[in-house]
Full PDB file with SEQRES, HELIX, SHEET, SSBOND, CRYST1, ORIGX, SCALE, CONECT and MASTER records, all heavy atoms in Angstrom:
SEQRES   1 A   31  ALA SER ARG SER LEU PHE SER ILE ASN VAL MET GLY TRP          
SEQRES   2 A   31  TYR ARG GLN ALA PRO GLY LYS GLN ARG GLU LEU VAL ALA          
SEQRES   3 A   31  THR PHE THR SER GLY                                          
HELIX    1 AA1 LEU A    5  SER A    7  5                                   3    
SHEET    1 AA1 2 VAL A  10  ARG A  15  0                                        
SHEET    2 AA1 2 GLU A  23  THR A  29 -1                                        
CRYST1    1.000    1.000    1.000  90.00  90.00  90.00 P 1           1          
ORIGX1      1.000000  0.000000  0.000000        0.00000                         
ORIGX2      0.000000  1.000000  0.000000        0.00000                         
ORIGX3      0.000000  0.000000  1.000000        0.00000                         
SCALE1      1.000000  0.000000  0.000000        0.00000                         
SCALE2      0.000000  1.000000  0.000000        0.00000                         
SCALE3      0.000000  0.000000  1.000000        0.00000                         
ATOM      1  N   ALA A   1    -110.948 -62.424-158.476  1.00  0.00           N  
ATOM      2  CA  ALA A   1    -111.666 -61.401-159.235  1.00  0.00           C  
ATOM      3  C   ALA A   1    -111.015 -60.037-159.029  1.00  0.00           C  
ATOM      4  O   ALA A   1    -110.396 -59.778-157.990  1.00  0.00           O  
ATOM      5  CB  ALA A   1    -113.123 -61.353-158.799  1.00  0.00           C  
ATOM      6  N   SER A   2    -111.200 -59.161-160.012  1.00  0.00           N  
ATOM      7  CA  SER A   2    -110.576 -57.834-159.978  1.00  0.00           C  
ATOM      8  C   SER A   2    -111.425 -56.800-159.246  1.00  0.00           C  
ATOM      9  O   SER A   2    -111.031 -55.638-159.162  1.00  0.00           O  
ATOM     10  CB  SER A   2    -110.315 -57.352-161.411  1.00  0.00           C  
ATOM     11  OG  SER A   2    -111.541 -57.263-162.129  1.00  0.00           O  
ATOM     12  N   ARG A   3    -112.565 -57.218-158.717  1.00  0.00           N  
ATOM     13  CA  ARG A   3    -113.424 -56.307-157.975  1.00  0.00           C  
ATOM     14  C   ARG A   3    -114.113 -57.056-156.851  1.00  0.00           C  
ATOM     15  O   ARG A   3    -114.097 -58.288-156.793  1.00  0.00           O  
ATOM     16  CB  ARG A   3    -114.453 -55.647-158.888  1.00  0.00           C  
ATOM     17  CG  ARG A   3    -115.332 -56.626-159.599  1.00  0.00           C  
ATOM     18  CD  ARG A   3    -116.144 -55.969-160.709  1.00  0.00           C  
ATOM     19  NE  ARG A   3    -117.438 -55.508-160.271  1.00  0.00           N  
ATOM     20  CZ  ARG A   3    -118.361 -55.053-161.115  1.00  0.00           C  
ATOM     21  NH1 ARG A   3    -118.120 -54.965-162.413  1.00  0.00           N  
ATOM     22  NH2 ARG A   3    -119.532 -54.648-160.656  1.00  0.00           N  
ATOM     23  N   SER A   4    -114.729 -56.305-155.985  1.00  0.00           N  
ATOM     24  CA  SER A   4    -115.383 -56.897-154.831  1.00  0.00           C  
ATOM     25  C   SER A   4    -116.474 -57.880-155.249  1.00  0.00           C  
ATOM     26  O   SER A   4    -117.271 -57.608-156.152  1.00  0.00           O  
ATOM     27  CB  SER A   4    -116.022 -55.798-153.974  1.00  0.00           C  
ATOM     28  OG  SER A   4    -116.864 -56.359-152.987  1.00  0.00           O  
ATOM     29  N   LEU A   5    -116.510 -59.025-154.560  1.00  0.00           N  
ATOM     30  CA  LEU A   5    -117.528 -60.025-154.860  1.00  0.00           C  
ATOM     31  C   LEU A   5    -118.929 -59.529-154.499  1.00  0.00           C  
ATOM     32  O   LEU A   5    -119.913 -60.023-155.030  1.00  0.00           O  
ATOM     33  CB  LEU A   5    -117.222 -61.325-154.118  1.00  0.00           C  
ATOM     34  CG  LEU A   5    -115.873 -61.976-154.417  1.00  0.00           C  
ATOM     35  CD1 LEU A   5    -115.809 -63.358-153.794  1.00  0.00           C  
ATOM     36  CD2 LEU A   5    -115.591 -62.040-155.909  1.00  0.00           C  
ATOM     37  N   PHE A   6    -119.006 -58.561-153.621  1.00  0.00           N  
ATOM     38  CA  PHE A   6    -120.318 -58.019-153.246  1.00  0.00           C  
ATOM     39  C   PHE A   6    -120.971 -57.288-154.408  1.00  0.00           C  
ATOM     40  O   PHE A   6    -122.190 -57.097-154.413  1.00  0.00           O  
ATOM     41  CB  PHE A   6    -120.188 -57.070-152.053  1.00  0.00           C  
ATOM     42  CG  PHE A   6    -119.832 -57.761-150.776  1.00  0.00           C  
ATOM     43  CD1 PHE A   6    -118.629 -57.513-150.134  1.00  0.00           C  
ATOM     44  CD2 PHE A   6    -120.699 -58.671-150.189  1.00  0.00           C  
ATOM     45  CE1 PHE A   6    -118.299 -58.147-148.956  1.00  0.00           C  
ATOM     46  CE2 PHE A   6    -120.378 -59.318-149.006  1.00  0.00           C  
ATOM     47  CZ  PHE A   6    -119.177 -59.048-148.386  1.00  0.00           C  
ATOM     48  N   SER A   7    -120.163 -56.879-155.394  1.00  0.00           N  
ATOM     49  CA  SER A   7    -120.695 -56.153-156.552  1.00  0.00           C  
ATOM     50  C   SER A   7    -121.082 -57.085-157.698  1.00  0.00           C  
ATOM     51  O   SER A   7    -121.481 -56.619-158.764  1.00  0.00           O  
ATOM     52  CB  SER A   7    -119.647 -55.159-157.056  1.00  0.00           C  
ATOM     53  OG  SER A   7    -118.539 -55.838-157.613  1.00  0.00           O  
ATOM     54  N   ILE A   8    -120.964 -58.387-157.475  1.00  0.00           N  
ATOM     55  CA  ILE A   8    -121.225 -59.385-158.520  1.00  0.00           C  
ATOM     56  C   ILE A   8    -122.415 -60.240-158.091  1.00  0.00           C  
ATOM     57  O   ILE A   8    -122.365 -60.909-157.061  1.00  0.00           O  
ATOM     58  CB  ILE A   8    -119.991 -60.269-158.755  1.00  0.00           C  
ATOM     59  CG1 ILE A   8    -118.788 -59.408-159.147  1.00  0.00           C  
ATOM     60  CG2 ILE A   8    -120.290 -61.305-159.838  1.00  0.00           C  
ATOM     61  CD1 ILE A   8    -117.484 -60.180-159.226  1.00  0.00           C  
ATOM     62  N   ASN A   9    -123.456 -60.231-158.901  1.00  0.00           N  
ATOM     63  CA  ASN A   9    -124.669 -60.970-158.536  1.00  0.00           C  
ATOM     64  C   ASN A   9    -124.442 -62.479-158.457  1.00  0.00           C  
ATOM     65  O   ASN A   9    -124.879 -63.132-157.515  1.00  0.00           O  
ATOM     66  CB  ASN A   9    -125.791 -60.684-159.529  1.00  0.00           C  
ATOM     67  CG  ASN A   9    -126.498 -59.376-159.250  1.00  0.00           C  
ATOM     68  OD1 ASN A   9    -126.455 -58.853-158.140  1.00  0.00           O  
ATOM     69  ND2 ASN A   9    -127.147 -58.830-160.264  1.00  0.00           N  
ATOM     70  N   VAL A  10    -123.795 -63.016-159.476  1.00  0.00           N  
ATOM     71  CA  VAL A  10    -123.597 -64.464-159.533  1.00  0.00           C  
ATOM     72  C   VAL A  10    -122.179 -64.776-159.991  1.00  0.00           C  
ATOM     73  O   VAL A  10    -121.678 -64.165-160.940  1.00  0.00           O  
ATOM     74  CB  VAL A  10    -124.577 -65.149-160.511  1.00  0.00           C  
ATOM     75  CG1 VAL A  10    -124.377 -66.664-160.496  1.00  0.00           C  
ATOM     76  CG2 VAL A  10    -126.019 -64.804-160.169  1.00  0.00           C  
ATOM     77  N   MET A  11    -121.557 -65.711-159.334  1.00  0.00           N  
ATOM     78  CA  MET A  11    -120.278 -66.282-159.777  1.00  0.00           C  
ATOM     79  C   MET A  11    -120.416 -67.788-159.759  1.00  0.00           C  
ATOM     80  O   MET A  11    -121.306 -68.344-159.106  1.00  0.00           O  
ATOM     81  CB  MET A  11    -119.130 -65.845-158.876  1.00  0.00           C  
ATOM     82  CG  MET A  11    -118.786 -64.387-158.978  1.00  0.00           C  
ATOM     83  SD  MET A  11    -117.279 -63.977-158.060  1.00  0.00           S  
ATOM     84  CE  MET A  11    -116.021 -64.736-159.109  1.00  0.00           C  
ATOM     85  N   GLY A  12    -119.528 -68.431-160.472  1.00  0.00           N  
ATOM     86  CA  GLY A  12    -119.597 -69.883-160.448  1.00  0.00           C  
ATOM     87  C   GLY A  12    -118.555 -70.523-161.333  1.00  0.00           C  
ATOM     88  O   GLY A  12    -117.610 -69.872-161.781  1.00  0.00           O  
ATOM     89  N   TRP A  13    -118.764 -71.798-161.557  1.00  0.00           N  
ATOM     90  CA  TRP A  13    -117.823 -72.611-162.323  1.00  0.00           C  
ATOM     91  C   TRP A  13    -118.567 -73.421-163.384  1.00  0.00           C  
ATOM     92  O   TRP A  13    -119.621 -74.002-163.101  1.00  0.00           O  
ATOM     93  CB  TRP A  13    -117.090 -73.578-161.401  1.00  0.00           C  
ATOM     94  CG  TRP A  13    -116.240 -72.910-160.374  1.00  0.00           C  
ATOM     95  CD1 TRP A  13    -116.612 -72.525-159.119  1.00  0.00           C  
ATOM     96  CD2 TRP A  13    -114.860 -72.550-160.511  1.00  0.00           C  
ATOM     97  NE1 TRP A  13    -115.554 -71.939-158.467  1.00  0.00           N  
ATOM     98  CE2 TRP A  13    -114.471 -71.941-159.302  1.00  0.00           C  
ATOM     99  CE3 TRP A  13    -113.919 -72.671-161.533  1.00  0.00           C  
ATOM    100  CZ2 TRP A  13    -113.180 -71.463-159.083  1.00  0.00           C  
ATOM    101  CZ3 TRP A  13    -112.638 -72.208-161.325  1.00  0.00           C  
ATOM    102  CH2 TRP A  13    -112.275 -71.606-160.115  1.00  0.00           C  
ATOM    103  N   TYR A  14    -117.983 -73.433-164.570  1.00  0.00           N  
ATOM    104  CA  TYR A  14    -118.394 -74.329-165.631  1.00  0.00           C  
ATOM    105  C   TYR A  14    -117.206 -75.236-165.938  1.00  0.00           C  
ATOM    106  O   TYR A  14    -116.080 -74.965-165.533  1.00  0.00           O  
ATOM    107  CB  TYR A  14    -118.737 -73.542-166.906  1.00  0.00           C  
ATOM    108  CG  TYR A  14    -120.148 -73.036-166.989  1.00  0.00           C  
ATOM    109  CD1 TYR A  14    -120.560 -71.933-166.250  1.00  0.00           C  
ATOM    110  CD2 TYR A  14    -121.068 -73.623-167.846  1.00  0.00           C  
ATOM    111  CE1 TYR A  14    -121.852 -71.446-166.349  1.00  0.00           C  
ATOM    112  CE2 TYR A  14    -122.365 -73.145-167.957  1.00  0.00           C  
ATOM    113  CZ  TYR A  14    -122.744 -72.053-167.210  1.00  0.00           C  
ATOM    114  OH  TYR A  14    -124.023 -71.572-167.311  1.00  0.00           O  
ATOM    115  N   ARG A  15    -117.479 -76.289-166.665  1.00  0.00           N  
ATOM    116  CA  ARG A  15    -116.395 -77.137-167.149  1.00  0.00           C  
ATOM    117  C   ARG A  15    -116.730 -77.613-168.546  1.00  0.00           C  
ATOM    118  O   ARG A  15    -117.894 -77.706-168.935  1.00  0.00           O  
ATOM    119  CB  ARG A  15    -116.155 -78.320-166.220  1.00  0.00           C  
ATOM    120  CG  ARG A  15    -117.282 -79.343-166.161  1.00  0.00           C  
ATOM    121  CD  ARG A  15    -116.977 -80.393-165.115  1.00  0.00           C  
ATOM    122  NE  ARG A  15    -118.025 -81.403-165.032  1.00  0.00           N  
ATOM    123  CZ  ARG A  15    -118.062 -82.376-164.118  1.00  0.00           C  
ATOM    124  NH1 ARG A  15    -117.086 -82.466-163.201  1.00  0.00           N  
ATOM    125  NH2 ARG A  15    -119.040 -83.251-164.124  1.00  0.00           N  
ATOM    126  N   GLN A  16    -115.662 -77.921-169.284  1.00  0.00           N  
ATOM    127  CA  GLN A  16    -115.827 -78.432-170.634  1.00  0.00           C  
ATOM    128  C   GLN A  16    -114.838 -79.561-170.870  1.00  0.00           C  
ATOM    129  O   GLN A  16    -113.628 -79.343-170.824  1.00  0.00           O  
ATOM    130  CB  GLN A  16    -115.639 -77.330-171.669  1.00  0.00           C  
ATOM    131  CG  GLN A  16    -115.975 -77.765-173.087  1.00  0.00           C  
ATOM    132  CD  GLN A  16    -116.113 -76.590-174.030  1.00  0.00           C  
ATOM    133  OE1 GLN A  16    -115.622 -75.492-173.762  1.00  0.00           O  
ATOM    134  NE2 GLN A  16    -116.794 -76.804-175.140  1.00  0.00           N  
ATOM    135  N   ALA A  17    -115.374 -80.740-171.121  1.00  0.00           N  
ATOM    136  CA  ALA A  17    -114.559 -81.902-171.436  1.00  0.00           C  
ATOM    137  C   ALA A  17    -114.375 -81.974-172.953  1.00  0.00           C  
ATOM    138  O   ALA A  17    -115.194 -81.434-173.710  1.00  0.00           O  
ATOM    139  CB  ALA A  17    -115.231 -83.161-170.913  1.00  0.00           C  
ATOM    140  N   PRO A  18    -113.333 -82.655-173.401  1.00  0.00           N  
ATOM    141  CA  PRO A  18    -113.096 -82.762-174.844  1.00  0.00           C  
ATOM    142  C   PRO A  18    -114.300 -83.348-175.576  1.00  0.00           C  
ATOM    143  O   PRO A  18    -114.843 -84.374-175.172  1.00  0.00           O  
ATOM    144  CB  PRO A  18    -111.887 -83.701-174.922  1.00  0.00           C  
ATOM    145  CG  PRO A  18    -111.188 -83.524-173.631  1.00  0.00           C  
ATOM    146  CD  PRO A  18    -112.261 -83.293-172.617  1.00  0.00           C  
ATOM    147  N   GLY A  19    -114.721 -82.659-176.631  1.00  0.00           N  
ATOM    148  CA  GLY A  19    -115.835 -83.141-177.430  1.00  0.00           C  
ATOM    149  C   GLY A  19    -117.199 -82.939-176.819  1.00  0.00           C  
ATOM    150  O   GLY A  19    -118.198 -83.414-177.374  1.00  0.00           O  
ATOM    151  N   LYS A  20    -117.253 -82.243-175.687  1.00  0.00           N  
ATOM    152  CA  LYS A  20    -118.540 -82.036-175.022  1.00  0.00           C  
ATOM    153  C   LYS A  20    -118.822 -80.553-174.872  1.00  0.00           C  
ATOM    154  O   LYS A  20    -117.931 -79.718-174.950  1.00  0.00           O  
ATOM    155  CB  LYS A  20    -118.548 -82.712-173.646  1.00  0.00           C  
ATOM    156  CG  LYS A  20    -118.450 -84.222-173.706  1.00  0.00           C  
ATOM    157  CD  LYS A  20    -118.640 -84.829-172.336  1.00  0.00           C  
ATOM    158  CE  LYS A  20    -118.613 -86.352-172.409  1.00  0.00           C  
ATOM    159  NZ  LYS A  20    -118.821 -86.961-171.067  1.00  0.00           N  
ATOM    160  N   GLN A  21    -120.087 -80.250-174.626  1.00  0.00           N  
ATOM    161  CA  GLN A  21    -120.465 -78.861-174.400  1.00  0.00           C  
ATOM    162  C   GLN A  21    -120.075 -78.423-172.992  1.00  0.00           C  
ATOM    163  O   GLN A  21    -119.929 -79.254-172.085  1.00  0.00           O  
ATOM    164  CB  GLN A  21    -121.981 -78.702-174.586  1.00  0.00           C  
ATOM    165  CG  GLN A  21    -122.460 -78.829-176.011  1.00  0.00           C  
ATOM    166  CD  GLN A  21    -123.920 -78.470-176.167  1.00  0.00           C  
ATOM    167  OE1 GLN A  21    -124.701 -78.611-175.222  1.00  0.00           O  
ATOM    168  NE2 GLN A  21    -124.302 -78.000-177.334  1.00  0.00           N  
ATOM    169  N   ARG A  22    -119.914 -77.122-172.850  1.00  0.00           N  
ATOM    170  CA  ARG A  22    -119.617 -76.577-171.530  1.00  0.00           C  
ATOM    171  C   ARG A  22    -120.823 -76.796-170.630  1.00  0.00           C  
ATOM    172  O   ARG A  22    -121.962 -76.550-171.034  1.00  0.00           O  
ATOM    173  CB  ARG A  22    -119.288 -75.093-171.648  1.00  0.00           C  
ATOM    174  CG  ARG A  22    -118.668 -74.482-170.428  1.00  0.00           C  
ATOM    175  CD  ARG A  22    -118.202 -73.056-170.686  1.00  0.00           C  
ATOM    176  NE  ARG A  22    -117.077 -73.010-171.606  1.00  0.00           N  
ATOM    177  CZ  ARG A  22    -116.354 -71.906-171.814  1.00  0.00           C  
ATOM    178  NH1 ARG A  22    -116.645 -70.792-171.182  1.00  0.00           N  
ATOM    179  NH2 ARG A  22    -115.350 -71.930-172.676  1.00  0.00           N  
ATOM    180  N   GLU A  23    -120.593 -77.255-169.410  1.00  0.00           N  
ATOM    181  CA  GLU A  23    -121.690 -77.523-168.487  1.00  0.00           C  
ATOM    182  C   GLU A  23    -121.463 -76.786-167.170  1.00  0.00           C  
ATOM    183  O   GLU A  23    -120.336 -76.614-166.708  1.00  0.00           O  
ATOM    184  CB  GLU A  23    -121.839 -79.020-168.217  1.00  0.00           C  
ATOM    185  CG  GLU A  23    -120.671 -79.675-167.527  1.00  0.00           C  
ATOM    186  CD  GLU A  23    -120.951 -81.109-167.079  1.00  0.00           C  
ATOM    187  OE1 GLU A  23    -122.130 -81.519-167.085  1.00  0.00           O  
ATOM    188  OE2 GLU A  23    -119.986 -81.800-166.715  1.00  0.00           O  
ATOM    189  N   LEU A  24    -122.569 -76.401-166.571  1.00  0.00           N  
ATOM    190  CA  LEU A  24    -122.520 -75.711-165.294  1.00  0.00           C  
ATOM    191  C   LEU A  24    -122.159 -76.685-164.188  1.00  0.00           C  
ATOM    192  O   LEU A  24    -122.730 -77.780-164.099  1.00  0.00           O  
ATOM    193  CB  LEU A  24    -123.874 -75.067-165.002  1.00  0.00           C  
ATOM    194  CG  LEU A  24    -123.992 -74.291-163.702  1.00  0.00           C  
ATOM    195  CD1 LEU A  24    -123.070 -73.082-163.696  1.00  0.00           C  
ATOM    196  CD2 LEU A  24    -125.435 -73.864-163.471  1.00  0.00           C  
ATOM    197  N   VAL A  25    -121.240 -76.279-163.340  1.00  0.00           N  
ATOM    198  CA  VAL A  25    -120.826 -77.115-162.219  1.00  0.00           C  
ATOM    199  C   VAL A  25    -121.427 -76.603-160.913  1.00  0.00           C  
ATOM    200  O   VAL A  25    -122.031 -77.366-160.151  1.00  0.00           O  
ATOM    201  CB  VAL A  25    -119.290 -77.152-162.103  1.00  0.00           C  
ATOM    202  CG1 VAL A  25    -118.858 -77.933-160.863  1.00  0.00           C  
ATOM    203  CG2 VAL A  25    -118.681 -77.748-163.362  1.00  0.00           C  
ATOM    204  N   ALA A  26    -121.239 -75.305-160.642  1.00  0.00           N  
ATOM    205  CA  ALA A  26    -121.716 -74.745-159.376  1.00  0.00           C  
ATOM    206  C   ALA A  26    -121.863 -73.239-159.510  1.00  0.00           C  
ATOM    207  O   ALA A  26    -121.136 -72.604-160.285  1.00  0.00           O  
ATOM    208  CB  ALA A  26    -120.745 -75.071-158.247  1.00  0.00           C  
ATOM    209  N   THR A  27    -122.787 -72.683-158.732  1.00  0.00           N  
ATOM    210  CA  THR A  27    -122.966 -71.233-158.690  1.00  0.00           C  
ATOM    211  C   THR A  27    -123.008 -70.737-157.261  1.00  0.00           C  
ATOM    212  O   THR A  27    -123.336 -71.498-156.331  1.00  0.00           O  
ATOM    213  CB  THR A  27    -124.256 -70.797-159.395  1.00  0.00           C  
ATOM    214  OG1 THR A  27    -125.381 -71.407-158.724  1.00  0.00           O  
ATOM    215  CG2 THR A  27    -124.271 -71.177-160.848  1.00  0.00           C  
ATOM    216  N   PHE A  28    -122.689 -69.455-157.110  1.00  0.00           N  
ATOM    217  CA  PHE A  28    -122.695 -68.811-155.797  1.00  0.00           C  
ATOM    218  C   PHE A  28    -123.221 -67.404-156.005  1.00  0.00           C  
ATOM    219  O   PHE A  28    -122.627 -66.629-156.741  1.00  0.00           O  
ATOM    220  CB  PHE A  28    -121.280 -68.780-155.223  1.00  0.00           C  
ATOM    221  CG  PHE A  28    -121.227 -68.565-153.742  1.00  0.00           C  
ATOM    222  CD1 PHE A  28    -120.630 -69.505-152.919  1.00  0.00           C  
ATOM    223  CD2 PHE A  28    -121.753 -67.422-153.154  1.00  0.00           C  
ATOM    224  CE1 PHE A  28    -120.564 -69.321-151.548  1.00  0.00           C  
ATOM    225  CE2 PHE A  28    -121.704 -67.229-151.794  1.00  0.00           C  
ATOM    226  CZ  PHE A  28    -121.095 -68.183-150.986  1.00  0.00           C  
ATOM    227  N   THR A  29    -124.343 -67.081-155.387  1.00  0.00           N  
ATOM    228  CA  THR A  29    -124.918 -65.761-155.575  1.00  0.00           C  
ATOM    229  C   THR A  29    -124.414 -64.792-154.507  1.00  0.00           C  
ATOM    230  O   THR A  29    -123.880 -65.206-153.469  1.00  0.00           O  
ATOM    231  CB  THR A  29    -126.439 -65.807-155.504  1.00  0.00           C  
ATOM    232  OG1 THR A  29    -126.834 -66.069-154.133  1.00  0.00           O  
ATOM    233  CG2 THR A  29    -127.007 -66.892-156.403  1.00  0.00           C  
ATOM    234  N   SER A  30    -124.620 -63.508-154.759  1.00  0.00           N  
ATOM    235  CA  SER A  30    -124.191 -62.494-153.797  1.00  0.00           C  
ATOM    236  C   SER A  30    -124.938 -62.642-152.473  1.00  0.00           C  
ATOM    237  O   SER A  30    -124.444 -62.202-151.427  1.00  0.00           O  
ATOM    238  CB  SER A  30    -124.415 -61.096-154.375  1.00  0.00           C  
ATOM    239  OG  SER A  30    -125.776 -60.913-154.712  1.00  0.00           O  
ATOM    240  N   GLY A  31    -126.108 -63.265-152.502  1.00  0.00           N  
ATOM    241  CA  GLY A  31    -126.863 -63.492-151.282  1.00  0.00           C  
ATOM    242  C   GLY A  31    -126.419 -64.712-150.517  1.00  0.00           C  
ATOM    243  O   GLY A  31    -126.934 -65.001-149.434  1.00  0.00           O  
TER     244      GLY A  31                                                      
MASTER        0    0    0    1    2    0    0    6  243    1    0    3          
END                                                                             
């Protein structure tokens, strides 16, 4: 990331397989 992670409430990962909708994989909150 281009800025401190402490300034970001939520970060995480999504994924998208061919022909499918993007789905949430994992999240990580500032807490």
